[in-house]
Amino acid sequence: MTKVARARLDRASKGWAKRVLRIGAVFACALACGRAMAQDASANVRPREEAAATTASCVPPPADLVAWWPFDESTGTTAQDLAGFPNNLSLTGNSVAVAGMVAGARQFNAGTSPGHGVTPPQADLDVGTGNFTIEGWVSRWDTSSSIGYVINKRDASTQVGYALLLANGLLYIMKSGTNSLPPPHPWIASTQWKHFAVVVDRTANVARLYVDGQQVSTASATTWYSGNLNNAAPLMVGEAPGGAAFALDELSLYKRALSQSEIAAIYQAGSAGKCKPASAASPTPTPSNTPNPPTPTPTRTYTPKPTLAATATQISIPSPPLDGNTPTATATKTPKTPFRPRQP
């Protein structure tokens, strides 16, 4: 190869090398710019995604909901039932609207005229021989033996029906047909809102008790309920004849045994709660998200146990004073102070 040809080949090779280097630089720049843009986009999107993930949304109400009292009313003497049935509560006595776990709530006070809500007997409030669930939010800061009825649908003479009450910092289920309170009794006392659920599956003969979305104990459903629970008594909510106030929110009754995942979903929804129908009025919340208890004086530290012995001593208490008369209590449990409802 001549010198001239070799020189021409060298120049051509150097030209192609420069072109390759330029193309490589362009690709490198494009790649770097693309990565930077992707990082910027990710940085801008991620905070919104994280915020959405941490913001709880309301959950659709589970099926077979027959009564639902959100207690969102800030005025008036009626607590609306949002389940679609005409089971509004007539509020009487000393009760006040307070801020709840989900929008508004109702605080039922004691005294000479204890606050409570009553609705006339309705077929949809009777559970017969079927399964049912009662759930809601409660704030009961008093740990004394004073009785407070969460819900009561029992015949005054036969005691047939269902009822939940609070005392000694515990949630009790009243046995149908008697005034006894078989265990277990989950711990519920707190100045904060606690979610509770009592699931009675009579088909499987098991009752499950939940606190804050967690199952805390189980027992045979016949421990409390056997036979037909229907009765002609009105349904009463919130009476505190024993002298200790408490607050309720989102109290609900289902004619079905809710699953653990359904209970957990309601609890995890937190302040978003169950999704309300569009026609539900927006409440005017009170300044605080905590009921208005007196300044508590802690007297003990209690650690709840998952299960309680079924052989524990039962307590006999009178039927609830729906007629305004105060029955005479006969307590058999020792050494704790027995239940003694005070004169309303």
Protein backbone atom coordinates (compact mmCIF):
# COMPACT_ATOMS: atom_id res chain seq x y z
CA MET A 1 0.00 0.00 0.00
CA THR A 2 1.35 3.36 -0.96
CA LYS A 3 1.95 6.14 1.52
CA VAL A 4 -0.87 8.16 0.01
CA ALA A 5 -3.36 5.31 0.34
CA ARG A 6 -2.23 4.62 3.90
CA ALA A 7 -2.67 8.30 4.82
CA ARG A 8 -6.17 8.34 3.33
CA LEU A 9 -7.08 5.19 5.31
CA ASP A 10 -5.74 6.71 8.55
CA ARG A 11 -7.82 9.86 8.02
CA ALA A 12 -10.94 7.81 7.30
CA SER A 13 -10.41 5.67 10.43
CA LYS A 14 -9.95 8.73 12.61
CA GLY A 15 -13.13 10.26 11.16
CA TRP A 16 -15.21 7.18 11.95
CA ALA A 17 -13.74 7.03 15.45
CA LYS A 18 -14.78 10.62 16.08
CA ARG A 19 -18.26 9.92 14.80
CA VAL A 20 -18.57 6.86 17.09
CA LEU A 21 -17.40 8.90 20.08
CA ARG A 22 -19.94 11.63 19.30
CA ILE A 23 -22.80 9.09 19.02
CA GLY A 24 -21.73 7.44 22.29
CA ALA A 25 -21.68 10.78 24.06
CA VAL A 26 -25.18 11.55 22.80
CA PHE A 27 -26.50 8.20 24.06
CA ALA A 28 -24.76 8.63 27.42
CA CYS A 29 -26.27 12.08 27.85
CA ALA A 30 -29.73 10.82 26.95
CA LEU A 31 -29.43 7.95 29.41
CA ALA A 32 -28.30 10.22 32.24
CA CYS A 33 -31.02 12.77 31.55
CA GLY A 34 -33.65 10.03 31.43
CA ARG A 35 -32.57 8.69 34.80
CA ALA A 36 -32.66 12.15 36.35
CA MET A 37 -36.15 12.81 35.00
CA ALA A 38 -37.38 9.44 36.28
CA GLN A 39 -35.97 10.16 39.74
CA ASP A 40 -37.65 13.57 39.81
CA ALA A 41 -40.99 12.06 38.76
CA SER A 42 -40.69 9.33 41.39
CA ALA A 43 -39.86 11.90 44.07
CA ASN A 44 -42.91 13.93 43.12
CA VAL A 45 -45.33 10.98 43.01
CA ARG A 46 -44.18 8.98 46.04
CA PRO A 47 -45.30 11.47 48.72
CA ARG A 48 -48.82 11.51 47.26
CA GLU A 49 -48.89 7.69 47.13
CA GLU A 50 -47.66 7.41 50.71
CA ALA A 51 -50.19 9.98 51.91
CA ALA A 52 -52.99 8.08 50.21
CA ALA A 53 -51.81 4.81 51.77
CA THR A 54 -51.84 6.27 55.27
CA THR A 55 -55.24 7.96 54.96
CA ALA A 56 -58.00 5.57 56.06
CA SER A 57 -61.13 5.33 53.97
CA CYS A 58 -64.61 4.41 55.16
CA VAL A 59 -65.66 0.79 54.72
CA PRO A 60 -69.00 -0.30 53.23
CA PRO A 61 -71.37 -1.47 56.00
CA PRO A 62 -71.41 -5.29 56.20
CA ALA A 63 -74.53 -7.09 54.97
CA ASP A 64 -77.56 -7.77 57.21
CA LEU A 65 -77.17 -4.52 59.15
CA VAL A 66 -80.58 -3.92 60.78
CA ALA A 67 -79.82 -1.04 63.16
CA TRP A 68 -77.08 1.63 63.06
CA TRP A 69 -76.99 4.62 65.39
CA PRO A 70 -74.01 6.91 64.55
CA PHE A 71 -75.10 9.52 67.15
CA ASP A 72 -73.98 12.33 64.84
CA GLU A 73 -76.80 14.69 65.87
CA SER A 74 -75.48 17.79 67.63
CA THR A 75 -78.96 18.94 68.73
CA GLY A 76 -82.41 17.50 69.29
CA THR A 77 -83.81 14.48 71.10
CA THR A 78 -83.66 11.88 68.31
CA ALA A 79 -80.82 9.58 67.32
CA GLN A 80 -81.34 8.44 63.73
CA ASP A 81 -81.05 4.83 62.59
CA LEU A 82 -79.18 4.77 59.26
CA ALA A 83 -79.77 1.08 58.54
CA GLY A 84 -82.96 1.82 56.62
CA PHE A 85 -85.41 0.70 59.28
CA PRO A 86 -87.55 3.08 61.41
CA ASN A 87 -85.67 2.41 64.64
CA ASN A 88 -84.77 5.97 65.66
CA LEU A 89 -83.95 6.37 69.35
CA SER A 90 -85.87 8.86 71.49
CA LEU A 91 -83.27 10.46 73.74
CA THR A 92 -84.40 11.29 77.27
CA GLY A 93 -82.73 12.20 80.52
CA ASN A 94 -79.22 13.54 80.95
CA SER A 95 -77.29 12.86 77.73
CA VAL A 96 -75.20 15.24 75.62
CA ALA A 97 -73.66 15.31 72.14
CA VAL A 98 -69.87 14.98 72.12
CA ALA A 99 -67.18 14.42 69.50
CA GLY A 100 -66.89 10.73 68.74
CA MET A 101 -64.46 8.34 67.17
CA VAL A 102 -66.40 8.79 63.90
CA ALA A 103 -67.87 12.32 63.71
CA GLY A 104 -70.35 12.81 66.60
CA ALA A 105 -71.19 10.57 69.57
CA ARG A 106 -73.50 10.54 72.59
CA GLN A 107 -72.45 10.71 76.23
CA PHE A 108 -74.94 9.19 78.66
CA ASN A 109 -74.70 10.68 82.13
CA ALA A 110 -75.99 9.40 85.45
CA GLY A 111 -77.80 11.35 88.14
CA THR A 112 -81.44 11.81 89.08
CA SER A 113 -82.43 11.47 85.41
CA PRO A 114 -79.93 9.14 83.72
CA GLY A 115 -79.68 9.62 79.97
CA HIS A 116 -80.75 6.86 77.61
CA GLY A 117 -82.34 6.22 74.22
CA VAL A 118 -85.41 4.06 73.57
CA THR A 119 -87.06 2.72 70.42
CA PRO A 120 -90.35 0.76 70.36
CA PRO A 121 -90.27 -3.00 69.73
CA GLN A 122 -89.80 -3.87 66.06
CA ALA A 123 -89.54 -7.26 64.37
CA ASP A 124 -86.16 -6.39 62.84
CA LEU A 125 -84.69 -5.86 66.33
CA ASP A 126 -85.61 -9.43 67.36
CA VAL A 127 -83.01 -12.07 66.52
CA GLY A 128 -85.15 -15.17 67.23
CA THR A 129 -83.01 -18.32 67.16
CA GLY A 130 -80.55 -16.93 64.61
CA ASN A 131 -77.02 -15.52 64.60
CA PHE A 132 -76.30 -11.86 65.39
CA THR A 133 -73.53 -9.33 66.00
CA ILE A 134 -73.39 -6.15 68.11
CA GLU A 135 -70.49 -3.75 67.52
CA GLY A 136 -69.56 -0.12 68.09
CA TRP A 137 -67.22 2.30 69.86
CA VAL A 138 -67.35 2.98 73.59
CA SER A 139 -65.54 5.25 76.02
CA ARG A 140 -66.06 4.24 79.65
CA TRP A 141 -63.36 5.72 81.89
CA ASP A 142 -64.92 4.69 85.24
CA THR A 143 -63.77 1.32 86.64
CA SER A 144 -66.25 1.16 89.52
CA SER A 145 -69.01 -1.44 89.83
CA SER A 146 -71.60 1.08 88.63
CA ILE A 147 -73.68 -0.39 85.81
CA GLY A 148 -74.06 1.16 82.36
CA TYR A 149 -76.20 -0.53 79.72
CA VAL A 150 -74.73 -0.43 76.20
CA ILE A 151 -77.81 -2.08 74.69
CA ASN A 152 -80.78 -3.92 76.20
CA LYS A 153 -83.58 -5.82 74.46
CA ARG A 154 -84.88 -8.08 77.24
CA ASP A 155 -88.29 -8.78 78.64
CA ALA A 156 -88.56 -7.29 82.14
CA SER A 157 -90.34 -10.30 83.62
CA THR A 158 -88.81 -13.28 81.80
CA GLN A 159 -85.36 -11.72 81.08
CA VAL A 160 -85.50 -13.34 77.63
CA GLY A 161 -83.51 -11.40 75.03
CA TYR A 162 -80.04 -9.90 74.62
CA ALA A 163 -78.11 -7.22 76.53
CA LEU A 164 -74.59 -5.85 77.04
CA LEU A 165 -73.52 -3.82 80.07
CA LEU A 166 -70.42 -2.16 81.51
CA ALA A 167 -69.10 -2.38 85.07
CA ASN A 168 -65.76 -2.80 86.88
CA GLY A 169 -64.02 -1.73 83.67
CA LEU A 170 -65.37 -4.82 81.89
CA LEU A 171 -67.92 -5.62 79.18
CA TYR A 172 -70.55 -8.14 80.31
CA ILE A 173 -73.04 -10.21 78.30
CA MET A 174 -76.28 -10.90 80.16
CA LYS A 175 -77.56 -14.47 79.91
CA SER A 176 -81.02 -14.72 78.35
CA GLY A 177 -83.70 -15.92 80.76
CA THR A 178 -81.67 -15.08 83.89
CA ASN A 179 -79.87 -12.17 85.52
CA SER A 180 -76.49 -13.94 85.52
CA LEU A 181 -73.34 -12.75 83.77
CA PRO A 182 -71.24 -15.76 82.70
CA PRO A 183 -67.58 -15.17 81.74
CA PRO A 184 -65.53 -14.23 79.80
CA HIS A 185 -65.59 -10.47 80.42
CA PRO A 186 -63.18 -8.44 78.22
CA TRP A 187 -61.52 -5.31 79.65
CA ILE A 188 -62.95 -2.19 78.02
CA ALA A 189 -62.28 0.76 80.36
CA SER A 190 -60.34 3.65 78.84
CA THR A 191 -60.46 7.41 78.48
CA GLN A 192 -59.93 6.75 74.75
CA TRP A 193 -62.37 5.17 72.31
CA LYS A 194 -62.38 1.36 72.24
CA HIS A 195 -64.03 -0.70 69.53
CA PHE A 196 -65.96 -3.75 70.70
CA ALA A 197 -67.82 -6.54 68.92
CA VAL A 198 -69.84 -9.46 70.25
CA VAL A 199 -70.41 -12.08 67.54
CA VAL A 200 -72.94 -14.80 68.39
CA ASP A 201 -72.80 -17.70 65.93
CA ARG A 202 -75.50 -20.05 67.16
CA THR A 203 -75.14 -22.23 64.07
CA ALA A 204 -71.57 -23.10 65.10
CA ASN A 205 -72.40 -22.71 68.83
CA VAL A 206 -69.62 -20.18 69.42
CA ALA A 207 -69.54 -16.58 70.61
CA ARG A 208 -66.51 -14.43 69.84
CA LEU A 209 -65.57 -11.25 71.68
CA TYR A 210 -63.39 -8.60 70.02
CA VAL A 211 -61.70 -5.46 71.35
CA ASP A 212 -60.00 -3.07 68.92
CA GLY A 213 -60.28 -5.54 66.04
CA GLN A 214 -58.64 -8.41 67.93
CA GLN A 215 -60.43 -11.52 69.17
CA VAL A 216 -59.87 -11.62 72.94
CA SER A 217 -62.00 -14.60 73.97
CA THR A 218 -64.51 -17.21 72.85
CA ALA A 219 -67.18 -19.31 74.53
CA SER A 220 -70.09 -21.53 73.66
CA ALA A 221 -73.00 -19.46 72.33
CA THR A 222 -75.35 -21.36 74.65
CA THR A 223 -73.39 -19.91 77.58
CA TRP A 224 -75.59 -16.83 77.11
CA TYR A 225 -78.24 -17.62 74.52
CA SER A 226 -80.51 -20.61 74.00
CA GLY A 227 -83.97 -20.84 72.51
CA ASN A 228 -85.94 -18.03 70.93
CA LEU A 229 -84.85 -14.55 72.02
CA ASN A 230 -87.85 -12.66 70.61
CA ASN A 231 -89.78 -10.46 73.03
CA ALA A 232 -92.15 -7.49 73.09
CA ALA A 233 -89.81 -5.20 75.07
CA PRO A 234 -88.53 -1.88 73.66
CA LEU A 235 -84.84 -1.59 72.88
CA MET A 236 -82.90 0.65 75.24
CA VAL A 237 -79.43 2.15 74.73
CA GLY A 238 -77.07 3.95 77.06
CA GLU A 239 -78.70 4.03 80.49
CA ALA A 240 -76.27 4.57 83.38
CA PRO A 241 -78.36 4.07 86.53
CA GLY A 242 -75.32 3.18 88.64
CA GLY A 243 -73.71 6.62 88.62
CA ALA A 244 -70.96 6.27 86.00
CA ALA A 245 -71.17 8.10 82.66
CA PHE A 246 -69.98 6.65 79.36
CA ALA A 247 -70.16 7.49 75.64
CA LEU A 248 -71.23 5.46 72.59
CA ASP A 249 -70.58 5.86 68.88
CA GLU A 250 -71.56 3.89 65.74
CA LEU A 251 -73.60 1.31 67.72
CA SER A 252 -74.76 -1.37 65.25
CA LEU A 253 -76.82 -4.57 65.21
CA TYR A 254 -76.55 -7.24 62.50
CA LYS A 255 -78.66 -10.37 62.00
CA ARG A 256 -75.56 -12.33 61.06
CA ALA A 257 -72.29 -13.50 62.59
CA LEU A 258 -69.68 -11.10 61.20
CA SER A 259 -66.28 -12.55 60.28
CA GLN A 260 -63.02 -11.56 61.93
CA SER A 261 -61.93 -9.75 58.75
CA GLU A 262 -65.14 -7.68 58.73
CA ILE A 263 -64.63 -6.70 62.38
CA ALA A 264 -60.98 -5.81 61.72
CA ALA A 265 -61.91 -3.70 58.68
CA ILE A 266 -64.36 -1.60 60.72
CA TYR A 267 -61.77 -1.04 63.44
CA GLN A 268 -58.98 -0.21 60.96
CA ALA A 269 -61.20 2.37 59.24
CA GLY A 270 -60.84 4.39 62.44
CA SER A 271 -62.35 7.86 62.28
CA ALA A 272 -63.57 7.21 58.71
CA GLY A 273 -65.94 4.54 60.03
CA LYS A 274 -68.57 2.81 57.95
CA CYS A 275 -69.60 4.64 54.78
CA LYS A 276 -72.76 6.63 55.46
CA PRO A 277 -75.51 7.15 52.90
CA ALA A 278 -75.42 10.46 51.02
CA SER A 279 -78.64 11.57 52.71
CA ALA A 280 -77.10 11.44 56.19
CA ALA A 281 -76.74 14.93 57.65
CA SER A 282 -73.25 16.23 58.35
CA PRO A 283 -72.86 16.83 62.11
CA THR A 284 -71.34 19.83 63.78
CA PRO A 285 -68.48 18.27 65.76
CA THR A 286 -67.49 19.41 69.20
CA PRO A 287 -63.92 20.72 69.64
CA SER A 288 -62.43 17.57 71.14
CA ASN A 289 -62.32 13.97 69.91
CA THR A 290 -62.55 12.70 73.46
CA PRO A 291 -65.72 12.49 75.61
CA ASN A 292 -65.97 14.73 78.64
CA PRO A 293 -65.09 12.55 81.62
CA PRO A 294 -64.10 13.83 85.03
CA THR A 295 -60.36 13.76 85.65
CA PRO A 296 -59.70 10.05 86.24
CA THR A 297 -57.68 8.80 89.20
CA PRO A 298 -56.02 5.54 88.15
CA THR A 299 -56.23 2.89 90.85
CA ARG A 300 -54.81 -0.14 89.13
CA THR A 301 -53.09 -1.49 86.03
CA TYR A 302 -54.95 -4.27 84.29
CA THR A 303 -53.60 -6.65 81.65
CA PRO A 304 -56.41 -8.36 79.71
CA LYS A 305 -56.14 -12.10 79.18
CA PRO A 306 -57.13 -13.83 75.94
CA THR A 307 -59.44 -16.28 77.68
CA LEU A 308 -61.03 -16.50 81.09
CA ALA A 309 -62.02 -19.61 82.95
CA ALA A 310 -65.61 -20.60 82.33
CA THR A 311 -65.94 -21.76 85.93
CA ALA A 312 -65.67 -18.28 87.44
CA THR A 313 -68.38 -17.22 89.84
CA GLN A 314 -71.39 -15.69 88.14
CA ILE A 315 -73.10 -12.54 89.32
CA SER A 316 -76.83 -12.20 89.74
CA ILE A 317 -78.13 -8.72 89.01
CA PRO A 318 -81.63 -7.34 88.58
CA SER A 319 -83.27 -6.74 85.23
CA PRO A 320 -82.60 -3.27 83.82
CA PRO A 321 -84.80 -0.47 85.23
CA LEU A 322 -86.64 0.31 82.00
CA ASP A 323 -89.80 1.24 83.92
CA GLY A 324 -87.98 3.70 86.16
CA ASN A 325 -88.13 1.49 89.25
CA THR A 326 -84.90 0.50 90.95
CA PRO A 327 -84.79 -3.23 91.70
CA THR A 328 -83.01 -4.68 94.68
CA ALA A 329 -79.66 -6.18 93.78
CA THR A 330 -78.47 -9.43 95.30
CA ALA A 331 -74.76 -9.84 94.67
CA THR A 332 -72.96 -13.15 95.20
CA LYS A 333 -69.53 -12.32 93.81
CA THR A 334 -66.68 -11.72 96.27
CA PRO A 335 -64.40 -10.01 97.12
CA LYS A 336 -65.22 -7.26 94.55
CA THR A 337 -67.85 -4.68 95.25
CA PRO A 338 -71.13 -6.12 93.90
CA PHE A 339 -73.29 -4.48 91.29
CA ARG A 340 -75.76 -2.15 92.98
CA PRO A 341 -77.63 0.09 90.53
CA ARG A 342 -78.51 3.41 92.15
CA GLN A 343 -81.92 5.07 92.16
CA PRO A 344 -82.16 6.93 88.83
